[in-house]
Amino acid sequence: MAAPRKPRSIQRWLKYKYTQLMRAPGGPAMVALGFSIGIFVEMFTLPTYGLAFFLIFPLIYWMRASLAGALVGFVFGKIIFIPVAFVNSMVGGLVLPKHIRFEIPFIPDWLNHILLVNLKLIAGGIIDGFLLGAIFYFPVRIAIKYMADKRKEKRKLRRTALEAKPVTE
């Protein structure tokens, strides 16, 4: 009987995923675009009860972006969502007409109110998500490019050090 496998350390797994992200096909631009798509979609996922998450896949395919970058952006968006949700609601309130109301006759008034609040969050989330995605695109692209260049330089130094080392026999 085989011995049970030792679970991998989380630090090693994270380092592996980081390396995969840095070596993603398409380079830093595709990863940054995926990150922006992830933030954009996250800003209106909560009021749509998670269904907007499925919008990531066609957007990634259509824009030829990185799925890994989009998932990282989606998680980052979840972290910053609570403070941004208030801004989303305010922007949605500014964009939507003041006289808009939900009055579905067979549901209670409190549910009509919740639908109106969700509509404000969706409208504001689409606008704010687009702006946040555009704002985060360039810093993420520059950071990934910097890390890739730093990694190449480190490999180059290591290679020259190995070539310069005298062979002892």
N, C-alpha and C. Protein backbone atom coordinates (compact mmCIF):
# COMPACT_ATOMS: atom_id res chain seq x y z
N MET A 1 0.84 -1.18 0.00
CA MET A 1 0.00 0.00 0.00
C MET A 1 0.89 1.24 0.00
N ALA A 2 0.57 2.20 -0.84
CA ALA A 2 1.39 3.40 -0.98
C ALA A 2 1.15 4.35 0.20
N ALA A 3 2.20 5.03 0.56
CA ALA A 3 2.11 6.00 1.65
C ALA A 3 1.33 7.22 1.16
N PRO A 4 0.57 7.86 2.04
CA PRO A 4 -0.18 9.05 1.61
C PRO A 4 0.77 10.17 1.21
N ARG A 5 0.39 10.89 0.18
CA ARG A 5 1.24 11.97 -0.31
C ARG A 5 1.25 13.13 0.67
N LYS A 6 2.40 13.74 0.79
CA LYS A 6 2.53 14.92 1.64
C LYS A 6 1.92 16.11 0.90
N PRO A 7 1.05 16.86 1.54
CA PRO A 7 0.43 17.99 0.84
C PRO A 7 1.47 19.07 0.53
N ARG A 8 1.32 19.67 -0.63
CA ARG A 8 2.23 20.74 -1.02
C ARG A 8 2.03 21.94 -0.12
N SER A 9 3.10 22.66 0.08
CA SER A 9 2.95 23.87 0.88
C SER A 9 2.27 24.95 0.04
N ILE A 10 1.51 25.77 0.68
CA ILE A 10 0.78 26.82 -0.01
C ILE A 10 1.75 27.83 -0.62
N GLN A 11 2.85 28.09 0.07
CA GLN A 11 3.83 29.03 -0.45
C GLN A 11 4.41 28.54 -1.78
N ARG A 12 4.70 27.27 -1.88
CA ARG A 12 5.24 26.71 -3.11
C ARG A 12 4.20 26.78 -4.24
N TRP A 13 2.94 26.49 -3.91
CA TRP A 13 1.88 26.55 -4.91
C TRP A 13 1.69 27.97 -5.42
N LEU A 14 1.70 28.96 -4.50
CA LEU A 14 1.56 30.35 -4.90
C LEU A 14 2.72 30.80 -5.79
N LYS A 15 3.92 30.36 -5.45
CA LYS A 15 5.08 30.70 -6.27
C LYS A 15 4.94 30.10 -7.67
N TYR A 16 4.45 28.89 -7.75
CA TYR A 16 4.23 28.23 -9.03
C TYR A 16 3.20 28.99 -9.86
N LYS A 17 2.10 29.40 -9.24
CA LYS A 17 1.06 30.14 -9.95
C LYS A 17 1.58 31.52 -10.39
N TYR A 18 2.40 32.14 -9.56
CA TYR A 18 3.01 33.42 -9.91
C TYR A 18 3.91 33.25 -11.13
N THR A 19 4.68 32.20 -11.16
CA THR A 19 5.56 31.94 -12.31
C THR A 19 4.74 31.69 -13.56
N GLN A 20 3.66 30.95 -13.45
CA GLN A 20 2.78 30.72 -14.59
C GLN A 20 2.21 32.03 -15.12
N LEU A 21 1.83 32.91 -14.21
CA LEU A 21 1.27 34.19 -14.60
C LEU A 21 2.31 35.05 -15.30
N MET A 22 3.54 35.02 -14.81
CA MET A 22 4.61 35.81 -15.42
C MET A 22 4.98 35.29 -16.81
N ARG A 23 4.81 34.00 -17.04
CA ARG A 23 5.16 33.40 -18.32
C ARG A 23 3.96 33.20 -19.23
N ALA A 24 2.86 33.84 -18.91
CA ALA A 24 1.64 33.67 -19.69
C ALA A 24 1.85 34.08 -21.13
N PRO A 25 1.24 33.34 -22.05
CA PRO A 25 1.37 33.71 -23.46
C PRO A 25 0.74 35.09 -23.71
N GLY A 26 1.38 35.85 -24.57
CA GLY A 26 0.87 37.18 -24.88
C GLY A 26 1.56 38.26 -24.09
N GLY A 27 2.29 37.89 -23.06
CA GLY A 27 3.07 38.86 -22.31
C GLY A 27 2.26 39.69 -21.33
N PRO A 28 2.89 40.75 -20.83
CA PRO A 28 2.27 41.59 -19.81
C PRO A 28 0.97 42.26 -20.26
N ALA A 29 0.87 42.59 -21.54
CA ALA A 29 -0.33 43.28 -22.01
C ALA A 29 -1.57 42.39 -21.87
N MET A 30 -1.43 41.10 -22.19
CA MET A 30 -2.58 40.20 -22.11
C MET A 30 -2.97 39.92 -20.66
N VAL A 31 -1.97 39.81 -19.78
CA VAL A 31 -2.26 39.57 -18.36
C VAL A 31 -2.93 40.80 -17.76
N ALA A 32 -2.43 41.99 -18.09
CA ALA A 32 -3.02 43.23 -17.57
C ALA A 32 -4.44 43.42 -18.10
N LEU A 33 -4.67 43.05 -19.36
CA LEU A 33 -6.02 43.14 -19.91
C LEU A 33 -6.96 42.18 -19.19
N GLY A 34 -6.48 40.97 -18.91
CA GLY A 34 -7.28 40.02 -18.15
C GLY A 34 -7.59 40.53 -16.76
N PHE A 35 -6.60 41.14 -16.11
CA PHE A 35 -6.79 41.72 -14.77
C PHE A 35 -7.88 42.79 -14.82
N SER A 36 -7.82 43.64 -15.84
CA SER A 36 -8.82 44.70 -15.98
C SER A 36 -10.22 44.14 -16.21
N ILE A 37 -10.31 43.09 -17.00
CA ILE A 37 -11.60 42.44 -17.25
C ILE A 37 -12.15 41.86 -15.95
N GLY A 38 -11.28 41.24 -15.15
CA GLY A 38 -11.70 40.67 -13.87
C GLY A 38 -12.26 41.72 -12.93
N ILE A 39 -11.60 42.87 -12.84
CA ILE A 39 -12.09 43.95 -11.98
C ILE A 39 -13.42 44.48 -12.52
N PHE A 40 -13.49 44.68 -13.81
CA PHE A 40 -14.71 45.20 -14.44
C PHE A 40 -15.90 44.31 -14.11
N VAL A 41 -15.74 43.02 -14.28
CA VAL A 41 -16.87 42.10 -14.06
C VAL A 41 -17.21 42.00 -12.58
N GLU A 42 -16.23 42.06 -11.70
CA GLU A 42 -16.51 41.93 -10.28
C GLU A 42 -17.34 43.09 -9.76
N MET A 43 -17.20 44.25 -10.34
CA MET A 43 -17.92 45.42 -9.81
C MET A 43 -19.44 45.30 -9.95
N PHE A 44 -19.93 44.43 -10.81
CA PHE A 44 -21.39 44.26 -10.87
C PHE A 44 -21.80 42.79 -10.72
N THR A 45 -20.94 41.97 -10.12
CA THR A 45 -21.29 40.57 -9.91
C THR A 45 -22.23 40.38 -8.73
N LEU A 46 -22.01 41.08 -7.63
CA LEU A 46 -22.84 40.88 -6.44
C LEU A 46 -24.32 41.19 -6.69
N PRO A 47 -24.66 42.32 -7.29
CA PRO A 47 -26.10 42.56 -7.50
C PRO A 47 -26.73 41.63 -8.53
N THR A 48 -25.93 40.98 -9.36
CA THR A 48 -26.49 40.02 -10.31
C THR A 48 -26.47 38.61 -9.75
N TYR A 49 -26.18 38.50 -8.46
CA TYR A 49 -26.17 37.23 -7.74
C TYR A 49 -25.18 36.24 -8.34
N GLY A 50 -24.03 36.74 -8.77
CA GLY A 50 -22.96 35.88 -9.26
C GLY A 50 -23.04 35.50 -10.71
N LEU A 51 -24.10 35.84 -11.39
CA LEU A 51 -24.24 35.44 -12.78
C LEU A 51 -23.31 36.22 -13.71
N ALA A 52 -22.89 37.41 -13.31
CA ALA A 52 -21.98 38.20 -14.15
C ALA A 52 -20.61 37.52 -14.27
N PHE A 53 -20.28 36.63 -13.34
CA PHE A 53 -19.00 35.91 -13.40
C PHE A 53 -18.85 35.19 -14.73
N PHE A 54 -19.95 34.69 -15.25
CA PHE A 54 -19.89 33.96 -16.52
C PHE A 54 -19.59 34.88 -17.70
N LEU A 55 -19.66 36.17 -17.50
CA LEU A 55 -19.30 37.13 -18.54
C LEU A 55 -17.79 37.18 -18.76
N ILE A 56 -17.02 36.75 -17.78
CA ILE A 56 -15.55 36.76 -17.92
C ILE A 56 -15.11 35.91 -19.11
N PHE A 57 -15.67 34.74 -19.27
CA PHE A 57 -15.19 33.81 -20.29
C PHE A 57 -15.35 34.33 -21.71
N PRO A 58 -16.54 34.85 -22.11
CA PRO A 58 -16.59 35.39 -23.47
C PRO A 58 -15.74 36.64 -23.65
N LEU A 59 -15.63 37.48 -22.61
CA LEU A 59 -14.79 38.67 -22.73
C LEU A 59 -13.32 38.30 -22.91
N ILE A 60 -12.87 37.29 -22.17
CA ILE A 60 -11.48 36.83 -22.30
C ILE A 60 -11.24 36.29 -23.70
N TYR A 61 -12.17 35.50 -24.19
CA TYR A 61 -12.02 34.92 -25.52
C TYR A 61 -12.05 36.01 -26.59
N TRP A 62 -12.99 36.93 -26.47
CA TRP A 62 -13.17 37.97 -27.47
C TRP A 62 -11.98 38.93 -27.51
N MET A 63 -11.44 39.28 -26.34
CA MET A 63 -10.34 40.24 -26.28
C MET A 63 -8.97 39.56 -26.24
N ARG A 64 -8.95 38.24 -26.28
CA ARG A 64 -7.72 37.45 -26.26
C ARG A 64 -6.83 37.80 -25.07
N ALA A 65 -7.44 37.83 -23.91
CA ALA A 65 -6.73 38.18 -22.68
C ALA A 65 -6.41 36.92 -21.89
N SER A 66 -5.79 37.11 -20.76
CA SER A 66 -5.36 36.00 -19.90
C SER A 66 -6.44 35.66 -18.89
N LEU A 67 -6.83 34.38 -18.85
CA LEU A 67 -7.82 33.94 -17.88
C LEU A 67 -7.26 34.02 -16.46
N ALA A 68 -5.99 33.66 -16.30
CA ALA A 68 -5.37 33.73 -14.97
C ALA A 68 -5.35 35.17 -14.47
N GLY A 69 -5.02 36.11 -15.35
CA GLY A 69 -5.03 37.52 -14.98
C GLY A 69 -6.43 37.98 -14.60
N ALA A 70 -7.43 37.49 -15.33
CA ALA A 70 -8.81 37.87 -15.03
C ALA A 70 -9.25 37.34 -13.67
N LEU A 71 -8.83 36.14 -13.34
CA LEU A 71 -9.21 35.58 -12.04
C LEU A 71 -8.52 36.33 -10.90
N VAL A 72 -7.27 36.73 -11.12
CA VAL A 72 -6.58 37.54 -10.10
C VAL A 72 -7.28 38.89 -9.95
N GLY A 73 -7.65 39.50 -11.06
CA GLY A 73 -8.39 40.76 -11.00
C GLY A 73 -9.74 40.61 -10.34
N PHE A 74 -10.40 39.48 -10.58
CA PHE A 74 -11.70 39.21 -9.97
C PHE A 74 -11.56 39.11 -8.45
N VAL A 75 -10.54 38.41 -7.99
CA VAL A 75 -10.31 38.28 -6.55
C VAL A 75 -9.94 39.64 -5.95
N PHE A 76 -9.08 40.39 -6.64
CA PHE A 76 -8.73 41.73 -6.17
C PHE A 76 -9.97 42.61 -6.09
N GLY A 77 -10.85 42.49 -7.07
CA GLY A 77 -12.10 43.24 -7.05
C GLY A 77 -12.98 42.88 -5.86
N LYS A 78 -12.97 41.61 -5.47
CA LYS A 78 -13.73 41.19 -4.29
C LYS A 78 -13.20 41.86 -3.03
N ILE A 79 -11.88 42.03 -2.96
CA ILE A 79 -11.26 42.65 -1.79
C ILE A 79 -11.66 44.13 -1.68
N ILE A 80 -11.71 44.84 -2.81
CA ILE A 80 -12.00 46.27 -2.76
C ILE A 80 -13.48 46.58 -2.98
N PHE A 81 -14.33 45.57 -3.10
CA PHE A 81 -15.72 45.81 -3.48
C PHE A 81 -16.51 46.59 -2.44
N ILE A 82 -16.35 46.30 -1.16
CA ILE A 82 -17.20 46.93 -0.13
C ILE A 82 -17.08 48.45 -0.16
N PRO A 83 -15.87 49.04 -0.12
CA PRO A 83 -15.85 50.51 -0.19
C PRO A 83 -16.31 51.05 -1.54
N VAL A 84 -16.06 50.32 -2.61
CA VAL A 84 -16.44 50.79 -3.94
C VAL A 84 -17.94 50.65 -4.15
N ALA A 85 -18.61 49.77 -3.42
CA ALA A 85 -20.05 49.57 -3.60
C ALA A 85 -20.84 50.84 -3.28
N PHE A 86 -20.37 51.60 -2.31
CA PHE A 86 -21.05 52.86 -2.00
C PHE A 86 -20.93 53.84 -3.16
N VAL A 87 -19.76 53.89 -3.76
CA VAL A 87 -19.56 54.75 -4.94
C VAL A 87 -20.41 54.24 -6.10
N ASN A 88 -20.46 52.91 -6.27
CA ASN A 88 -21.29 52.34 -7.34
C ASN A 88 -22.75 52.77 -7.19
N SER A 89 -23.24 52.73 -5.97
CA SER A 89 -24.64 53.09 -5.72
C SER A 89 -24.86 54.57 -6.02
N MET A 90 -23.92 55.43 -5.63
CA MET A 90 -24.07 56.86 -5.89
C MET A 90 -24.03 57.14 -7.39
N VAL A 91 -23.08 56.51 -8.10
CA VAL A 91 -22.98 56.72 -9.55
C VAL A 91 -24.22 56.19 -10.24
N GLY A 92 -24.71 55.04 -9.81
CA GLY A 92 -25.95 54.49 -10.37
C GLY A 92 -27.13 55.41 -10.14
N GLY A 93 -27.19 56.03 -8.96
CA GLY A 93 -28.26 56.98 -8.66
C GLY A 93 -28.18 58.23 -9.54
N LEU A 94 -26.95 58.64 -9.89
CA LEU A 94 -26.78 59.81 -10.77
C LEU A 94 -27.14 59.49 -12.21
N VAL A 95 -26.86 58.27 -12.64
CA VAL A 95 -27.07 57.90 -14.04
C VAL A 95 -28.53 57.55 -14.32
N LEU A 96 -29.15 56.85 -13.41
CA LEU A 96 -30.54 56.42 -13.63
C LEU A 96 -31.49 57.60 -13.43
N PRO A 97 -32.61 57.59 -14.13
CA PRO A 97 -33.58 58.68 -13.95
C PRO A 97 -34.13 58.69 -12.52
N LYS A 98 -34.44 59.88 -12.03
CA LYS A 98 -34.92 60.02 -10.64
C LYS A 98 -36.29 59.37 -10.43
N HIS A 99 -37.10 59.33 -11.46
CA HIS A 99 -38.47 58.82 -11.31
C HIS A 99 -38.58 57.31 -11.50
N ILE A 100 -37.45 56.61 -11.67
CA ILE A 100 -37.52 55.16 -11.91
C ILE A 100 -38.02 54.46 -10.64
N ARG A 101 -38.93 53.54 -10.83
CA ARG A 101 -39.50 52.78 -9.72
C ARG A 101 -39.79 51.37 -10.20
N PHE A 102 -39.71 50.45 -9.25
CA PHE A 102 -40.14 49.08 -9.51
C PHE A 102 -41.45 48.88 -8.78
N GLU A 103 -42.47 48.55 -9.50
CA GLU A 103 -43.75 48.26 -8.87
C GLU A 103 -44.33 47.02 -9.52
N ILE A 104 -43.77 45.89 -9.15
CA ILE A 104 -44.30 44.62 -9.60
C ILE A 104 -45.44 44.26 -8.64
N PRO A 105 -46.66 44.12 -9.13
CA PRO A 105 -47.82 44.03 -8.23
C PRO A 105 -47.86 42.81 -7.32
N PHE A 106 -47.28 41.70 -7.73
CA PHE A 106 -47.44 40.50 -6.91
C PHE A 106 -46.29 40.26 -5.93
N ILE A 107 -45.36 41.20 -5.80
CA ILE A 107 -44.29 41.06 -4.80
C ILE A 107 -44.39 42.19 -3.79
N PRO A 108 -43.86 41.99 -2.58
CA PRO A 108 -43.96 43.02 -1.54
C PRO A 108 -43.13 44.27 -1.89
N ASP A 109 -43.46 45.37 -1.22
CA ASP A 109 -42.78 46.65 -1.47
C ASP A 109 -41.29 46.58 -1.15
N TRP A 110 -40.92 45.86 -0.09
CA TRP A 110 -39.50 45.80 0.28
C TRP A 110 -38.68 45.11 -0.82
N LEU A 111 -39.27 44.16 -1.52
CA LEU A 111 -38.57 43.49 -2.62
C LEU A 111 -38.44 44.42 -3.83
N ASN A 112 -39.46 45.24 -4.06
CA ASN A 112 -39.35 46.26 -5.10
C ASN A 112 -38.20 47.23 -4.81
N HIS A 113 -38.05 47.59 -3.54
CA HIS A 113 -36.96 48.49 -3.14
C HIS A 113 -35.59 47.82 -3.35
N ILE A 114 -35.50 46.56 -3.02
CA ILE A 114 -34.23 45.83 -3.21
C ILE A 114 -33.87 45.77 -4.69
N LEU A 115 -34.86 45.56 -5.54
CA LEU A 115 -34.60 45.55 -6.99
C LEU A 115 -34.08 46.90 -7.48
N LEU A 116 -34.61 47.99 -6.94
CA LEU A 116 -34.14 49.32 -7.32
C LEU A 116 -32.70 49.54 -6.86
N VAL A 117 -32.39 49.13 -5.64
CA VAL A 117 -31.02 49.27 -5.13
C VAL A 117 -30.06 48.44 -5.97
N ASN A 118 -30.45 47.22 -6.32
CA ASN A 118 -29.60 46.38 -7.17
C ASN A 118 -29.40 46.99 -8.55
N LEU A 119 -30.43 47.61 -9.09
CA LEU A 119 -30.29 48.27 -10.40
C LEU A 119 -29.28 49.41 -10.32
N LYS A 120 -29.33 50.17 -9.23
CA LYS A 120 -28.34 51.24 -9.04
C LYS A 120 -26.94 50.67 -8.93
N LEU A 121 -26.78 49.57 -8.19
CA LEU A 121 -25.46 48.94 -8.04
C LEU A 121 -24.96 48.39 -9.37
N ILE A 122 -25.84 47.84 -10.19
CA ILE A 122 -25.42 47.30 -11.49
C ILE A 122 -24.99 48.44 -12.42
N ALA A 123 -25.81 49.47 -12.52
CA ALA A 123 -25.49 50.59 -13.42
C ALA A 123 -24.20 51.29 -12.97
N GLY A 124 -24.10 51.57 -11.69
CA GLY A 124 -22.88 52.22 -11.18
C GLY A 124 -21.68 51.29 -11.25
N GLY A 125 -21.89 50.00 -11.04
CA GLY A 125 -20.80 49.03 -11.08
C GLY A 125 -20.22 48.87 -12.48
N ILE A 126 -21.06 48.94 -13.49
CA ILE A 126 -20.56 48.85 -14.86
C ILE A 126 -19.68 50.06 -15.18
N ILE A 127 -20.14 51.25 -14.80
CA ILE A 127 -19.36 52.46 -15.07
C ILE A 127 -18.07 52.47 -14.26
N ASP A 128 -18.18 52.23 -12.95
CA ASP A 128 -16.99 52.23 -12.09
C ASP A 128 -16.04 51.09 -12.43
N GLY A 129 -16.59 49.93 -12.77
CA GLY A 129 -15.74 48.80 -13.14
C GLY A 129 -14.94 49.09 -14.39
N PHE A 130 -15.57 49.74 -15.37
CA PHE A 130 -14.85 50.11 -16.59
C PHE A 130 -13.73 51.10 -16.27
N LEU A 131 -14.03 52.08 -15.43
CA LEU A 131 -13.01 53.07 -15.06
C LEU A 131 -11.87 52.43 -14.26
N LEU A 132 -12.22 51.58 -13.30
CA LEU A 132 -11.18 50.90 -12.51
C LEU A 132 -10.32 49.99 -13.39
N GLY A 133 -10.95 49.28 -14.31
CA GLY A 133 -10.20 48.43 -15.22
C GLY A 133 -9.23 49.23 -16.06
N ALA A 134 -9.68 50.39 -16.56
CA ALA A 134 -8.80 51.25 -17.36
C ALA A 134 -7.68 51.83 -16.52
N ILE A 135 -7.98 52.19 -15.29
CA ILE A 135 -6.96 52.76 -14.40
C ILE A 135 -5.92 51.71 -14.03
N PHE A 136 -6.35 50.48 -13.72
CA PHE A 136 -5.42 49.45 -13.28
C PHE A 136 -4.63 48.79 -14.41
N TYR A 137 -5.06 48.95 -15.65
CA TYR A 137 -4.39 48.29 -16.77
C TYR A 137 -2.91 48.67 -16.85
N PHE A 138 -2.62 49.95 -16.86
CA PHE A 138 -1.24 50.39 -17.08
C PHE A 138 -0.31 50.07 -15.90
N PRO A 139 -0.70 50.31 -14.65
CA PRO A 139 0.20 49.91 -13.55
C PRO A 139 0.47 48.41 -13.51
N VAL A 140 -0.55 47.59 -13.78
CA VAL A 140 -0.35 46.14 -13.76
C VAL A 140 0.58 45.73 -14.90
N ARG A 141 0.38 46.30 -16.07
CA ARG A 141 1.24 45.99 -17.22
C ARG A 141 2.69 46.39 -16.94
N ILE A 142 2.89 47.57 -16.39
CA ILE A 142 4.25 48.04 -16.09
C ILE A 142 4.89 47.16 -15.02
N ALA A 143 4.12 46.78 -14.00
CA ALA A 143 4.67 45.95 -12.92
C ALA A 143 5.06 44.57 -13.44
N ILE A 144 4.23 43.98 -14.28
CA ILE A 144 4.55 42.65 -14.82
C ILE A 144 5.75 42.73 -15.74
N LYS A 145 5.83 43.78 -16.55
CA LYS A 145 6.98 43.97 -17.44
C LYS A 145 8.26 44.15 -16.62
N TYR A 146 8.18 44.91 -15.55
CA TYR A 146 9.34 45.13 -14.68
C TYR A 146 9.81 43.81 -14.06
N MET A 147 8.86 43.03 -13.56
CA MET A 147 9.23 41.75 -12.94
C MET A 147 9.82 40.79 -13.96
N ALA A 148 9.28 40.77 -15.17
CA ALA A 148 9.82 39.89 -16.22
C ALA A 148 11.23 40.33 -16.62
N ASP A 149 11.45 41.64 -16.76
CA ASP A 149 12.78 42.12 -17.09
C ASP A 149 13.79 41.83 -15.98
N LYS A 150 13.33 41.98 -14.75
CA LYS A 150 14.20 41.68 -13.60
C LYS A 150 14.58 40.20 -13.58
N ARG A 151 13.63 39.36 -13.90
CA ARG A 151 13.88 37.92 -13.95
C ARG A 151 14.86 37.58 -15.07
N LYS A 152 14.70 38.21 -16.25
CA LYS A 152 15.63 37.97 -17.36
C LYS A 152 17.04 38.42 -17.01
N GLU A 153 17.14 39.56 -16.35
CA GLU A 153 18.46 40.07 -15.95
C GLU A 153 19.12 39.13 -14.95
N LYS A 154 18.34 38.61 -14.03
CA LYS A 154 18.87 37.68 -13.03
C LYS A 154 19.37 36.40 -13.70
N ARG A 155 18.61 35.90 -14.66
CA ARG A 155 19.04 34.71 -15.40
C ARG A 155 20.30 34.99 -16.21
N LYS A 156 20.39 36.16 -16.80
CA LYS A 156 21.55 36.54 -17.60
C LYS A 156 22.80 36.62 -16.72
N LEU A 157 22.67 37.21 -15.55
CA LEU A 157 23.81 37.29 -14.62
C LEU A 157 24.24 35.91 -14.16
N ARG A 158 23.28 35.05 -13.88
CA ARG A 158 23.61 33.69 -13.46
C ARG A 158 24.32 32.93 -14.58
N ARG A 159 23.86 33.12 -15.81
CA ARG A 159 24.47 32.45 -16.96
C ARG A 159 25.90 32.93 -17.19
N THR A 160 26.13 34.23 -17.09
CA THR A 160 27.50 34.75 -17.29
C THR A 160 28.41 34.32 -16.15
N ALA A 161 27.87 34.20 -14.95
CA ALA A 161 28.68 33.74 -13.82
C ALA A 161 29.09 32.28 -14.02
N LEU A 162 28.20 31.47 -14.56
CA LEU A 162 28.54 30.07 -14.81
C LEU A 162 29.55 29.94 -15.94
N GLU A 163 29.46 30.77 -16.96
CA GLU A 163 30.40 30.70 -18.07
C GLU A 163 31.78 31.21 -17.67
N ALA A 164 31.83 32.17 -16.78
CA ALA A 164 33.10 32.75 -16.35
C ALA A 164 33.82 31.85 -15.34
N LYS A 165 33.10 30.93 -14.73
CA LYS A 165 33.69 30.06 -13.72
C LYS A 165 34.70 29.11 -14.41
N PRO A 166 35.97 29.08 -13.93
CA PRO A 166 36.96 28.19 -14.56
C PRO A 166 36.65 26.72 -14.26
N VAL A 167 36.93 25.90 -15.27
CA VAL A 167 36.71 24.48 -15.14
C VAL A 167 37.94 23.86 -14.49
N THR A 168 37.75 23.22 -13.36
CA THR A 168 38.87 22.58 -12.65
C THR A 168 38.83 21.10 -12.88
N GLU A 169 39.96 20.59 -13.31
CA GLU A 169 40.02 19.13 -13.55
C GLU A 169 41.17 18.53 -12.81
